[in-house]
């Protein structure tokens, strides 16, 4: 079974640095609520993290710790960067808190 986490974050909040705690707390609260049904996988939306992963890795580290605590993998969208190129990526965080897979969206 899967749990699809949809926090309905307003678009104007998405990249506002002041809203980052709110966004992360909202995801955490909904994910915690979904854990009551013990899904096999949690799925967060495209570009769920409110940062570029390589610029602020502590946000992804929080997801890695969450996956360890949940004992389940989390599939999430995030903006990633390689050099000067930015990607809309899908990241699979294993239940061990490791990046088990990454896909960079292509046009």
C-alpha atoms as a PDB file:
ATOM      1  CA  UNK A   1       0.000   0.000   0.000  1.00  0.00           C
ATOM      2  CA  UNK A   2       1.029   3.601  -0.478  1.00  0.00           C
ATOM      3  CA  UNK A   3       0.295   6.893   1.231  1.00  0.00           C
ATOM      4  CA  UNK A   4       0.142   9.915  -1.051  1.00  0.00           C
ATOM      5  CA  UNK A   5       1.012  13.022   0.925  1.00  0.00           C
ATOM      6  CA  UNK A   6      -0.572  16.195  -0.463  1.00  0.00           C
ATOM      7  CA  UNK A   7      -0.213  19.233   1.826  1.00  0.00           C
ATOM      8  CA  UNK A   8      -1.722  21.783  -0.612  1.00  0.00           C
ATOM      9  CA  UNK A   9       0.980  24.391  -0.118  1.00  0.00           C
ATOM     10  CA  UNK A  10       0.089  27.731  -1.688  1.00  0.00           C
ATOM     11  CA  UNK A  11       2.310  28.528  -4.671  1.00  0.00           C
ATOM     12  CA  UNK A  12       3.329  31.889  -3.206  1.00  0.00           C
ATOM     13  CA  UNK A  13       4.667  30.060  -0.112  1.00  0.00           C
ATOM     14  CA  UNK A  14       6.707  27.541  -2.084  1.00  0.00           C
ATOM     15  CA  UNK A  15       9.963  29.480  -2.476  1.00  0.00           C
ATOM     16  CA  UNK A  16       9.552  31.968   0.383  1.00  0.00           C
ATOM     17  CA  UNK A  17      12.367  31.160   2.853  1.00  0.00           C
ATOM     18  CA  UNK A  18      10.171  32.282   5.766  1.00  0.00           C
ATOM     19  CA  UNK A  19       7.668  29.524   4.909  1.00  0.00           C
ATOM     20  CA  UNK A  20      10.173  26.643   4.961  1.00  0.00           C
ATOM     21  CA  UNK A  21       9.439  25.601   8.569  1.00  0.00           C
ATOM     22  CA  UNK A  22       5.702  25.672   7.871  1.00  0.00           C
ATOM     23  CA  UNK A  23       6.119  23.582   4.718  1.00  0.00           C
ATOM     24  CA  UNK A  24       8.349  20.985   6.363  1.00  0.00           C
ATOM     25  CA  UNK A  25       6.128  20.781   9.452  1.00  0.00           C
ATOM     26  CA  UNK A  26       3.055  20.328   7.258  1.00  0.00           C
ATOM     27  CA  UNK A  27       4.671  17.453   5.362  1.00  0.00           C
ATOM     28  CA  UNK A  28       5.856  15.875   8.620  1.00  0.00           C
ATOM     29  CA  UNK A  29       2.416  16.123  10.244  1.00  0.00           C
ATOM     30  CA  UNK A  30       0.576  14.596   7.298  1.00  0.00           C
ATOM     31  CA  UNK A  31       3.190  11.860   6.926  1.00  0.00           C
ATOM     32  CA  UNK A  32       2.933  11.053  10.638  1.00  0.00           C
ATOM     33  CA  UNK A  33      -0.861  10.856  10.340  1.00  0.00           C
ATOM     34  CA  UNK A  34      -0.524   8.554   7.322  1.00  0.00           C
ATOM     35  CA  UNK A  35       1.843   6.287   9.266  1.00  0.00           C
ATOM     36  CA  UNK A  36      -1.168   5.051  11.233  1.00  0.00           C
ATOM     37  CA  UNK A  37      -2.138   2.913   8.223  1.00  0.00           C
ATOM     38  CA  UNK A  38       1.432   1.518   7.915  1.00  0.00           C
ATOM     39  CA  UNK A  39       1.865   2.016   4.163  1.00  0.00           C
ATOM     40  CA  UNK A  40       4.726   0.350   2.296  1.00  0.00           C
ATOM     41  CA  UNK A  41       5.710   3.627   0.645  1.00  0.00           C
ATOM     42  CA  UNK A  42       5.121   7.334   1.204  1.00  0.00           C
ATOM     43  CA  UNK A  43       4.859   9.531  -1.893  1.00  0.00           C
ATOM     44  CA  UNK A  44       5.370  13.272  -1.676  1.00  0.00           C
ATOM     45  CA  UNK A  45       4.628  15.631  -4.588  1.00  0.00           C
ATOM     46  CA  UNK A  46       6.846  17.010  -7.304  1.00  0.00           C
ATOM     47  CA  UNK A  47       9.284  19.652  -5.977  1.00  0.00           C
ATOM     48  CA  UNK A  48       8.127  18.973  -2.413  1.00  0.00           C
ATOM     49  CA  UNK A  49      11.266  20.335  -0.781  1.00  0.00           C
ATOM     50  CA  UNK A  50      11.281  24.153  -0.603  1.00  0.00           C
ATOM     51  CA  UNK A  51      15.019  24.361  -1.396  1.00  0.00           C
ATOM     52  CA  UNK A  52      17.586  23.257  -3.957  1.00  0.00           C
ATOM     53  CA  UNK A  53      18.947  20.061  -2.377  1.00  0.00           C
ATOM     54  CA  UNK A  54      22.631  20.755  -3.008  1.00  0.00           C
ATOM     55  CA  UNK A  55      22.390  24.290  -1.591  1.00  0.00           C
ATOM     56  CA  UNK A  56      20.681  23.254   1.661  1.00  0.00           C
ATOM     57  CA  UNK A  57      21.209  19.501   2.204  1.00  0.00           C
ATOM     58  CA  UNK A  58      19.864  19.591   5.750  1.00  0.00           C
ATOM     59  CA  UNK A  59      16.329  19.495   4.344  1.00  0.00           C
ATOM     60  CA  UNK A  60      16.949  16.192   2.580  1.00  0.00           C
ATOM     61  CA  UNK A  61      18.711  14.921   5.707  1.00  0.00           C
ATOM     62  CA  UNK A  62      15.457  15.518   7.609  1.00  0.00           C
ATOM     63  CA  UNK A  63      13.615  13.316   5.097  1.00  0.00           C
ATOM     64  CA  UNK A  64      16.298  10.641   5.447  1.00  0.00           C
ATOM     65  CA  UNK A  65      15.847  10.623   9.235  1.00  0.00           C
ATOM     66  CA  UNK A  66      12.068  10.512   8.778  1.00  0.00           C
ATOM     67  CA  UNK A  67      12.349   7.450   6.521  1.00  0.00           C
ATOM     68  CA  UNK A  68      14.495   5.723   9.156  1.00  0.00           C
ATOM     69  CA  UNK A  69      11.937   6.516  11.886  1.00  0.00           C
ATOM     70  CA  UNK A  70       9.032   5.392   9.684  1.00  0.00           C
ATOM     71  CA  UNK A  71      10.946   2.258   8.638  1.00  0.00           C
ATOM     72  CA  UNK A  72       9.570   2.869   5.150  1.00  0.00           C
ATOM     73  CA  UNK A  73      10.834   4.508   1.948  1.00  0.00           C
ATOM     74  CA  UNK A  74       9.783   7.989   0.867  1.00  0.00           C
ATOM     75  CA  UNK A  75       9.549   9.002  -2.791  1.00  0.00           C
ATOM     76  CA  UNK A  76       9.644  12.763  -3.210  1.00  0.00           C
ATOM     77  CA  UNK A  77      10.190  15.467  -5.753  1.00  0.00           C
ATOM     78  CA  UNK A  78      12.994  17.963  -5.288  1.00  0.00           C
ATOM     79  CA  UNK A  79      14.916  20.530  -7.250  1.00  0.00           C
ATOM     80  CA  UNK A  80      18.503  19.332  -7.646  1.00  0.00           C
ATOM     81  CA  UNK A  81      21.542  20.916  -9.238  1.00  0.00           C
ATOM     82  CA  UNK A  82      24.531  19.535 -11.096  1.00  0.00           C
ATOM     83  CA  UNK A  83      26.962  22.334 -11.874  1.00  0.00           C
ATOM     84  CA  UNK A  84      24.929  25.120 -13.434  1.00  0.00           C
ATOM     85  CA  UNK A  85      22.056  22.822 -14.456  1.00  0.00           C
ATOM     86  CA  UNK A  86      18.912  22.496 -12.355  1.00  0.00           C
ATOM     87  CA  UNK A  87      16.635  19.458 -12.440  1.00  0.00           C
ATOM     88  CA  UNK A  88      13.157  18.597 -11.316  1.00  0.00           C
ATOM     89  CA  UNK A  89      14.123  15.281  -9.737  1.00  0.00           C
ATOM     90  CA  UNK A  90      12.415  12.339  -8.109  1.00  0.00           C
ATOM     91  CA  UNK A  91      14.353  10.935  -5.152  1.00  0.00           C
ATOM     92  CA  UNK A  92      13.725   7.607  -3.469  1.00  0.00           C
ATOM     93  CA  UNK A  93      14.875   7.625   0.143  1.00  0.00           C
ATOM     94  CA  UNK A  94      15.154   4.092   1.513  1.00  0.00           C
ATOM     95  CA  UNK A  95      13.994   3.014   4.955  1.00  0.00           C
ATOM     96  CA  UNK A  96      17.707   3.096   5.865  1.00  0.00           C
ATOM     97  CA  UNK A  97      17.784   6.823   5.110  1.00  0.00           C
ATOM     98  CA  UNK A  98      19.860   6.448   1.954  1.00  0.00           C
ATOM     99  CA  UNK A  99      19.176   7.756  -1.551  1.00  0.00           C
ATOM    100  CA  UNK A 100      18.180   4.522  -3.276  1.00  0.00           C
ATOM    101  CA  UNK A 101      17.331   6.132  -6.613  1.00  0.00           C
ATOM    102  CA  UNK A 102      17.203   9.414  -8.469  1.00  0.00           C
ATOM    103  CA  UNK A 103      15.499  10.403 -11.707  1.00  0.00           C
ATOM    104  CA  UNK A 104      16.016  13.785 -13.377  1.00  0.00           C
ATOM    105  CA  UNK A 105      12.962  14.839 -15.367  1.00  0.00           C
ATOM    106  CA  UNK A 106      13.627  15.432 -19.054  1.00  0.00           C
ATOM    107  CA  UNK A 107      11.619  17.604 -21.429  1.00  0.00           C
END
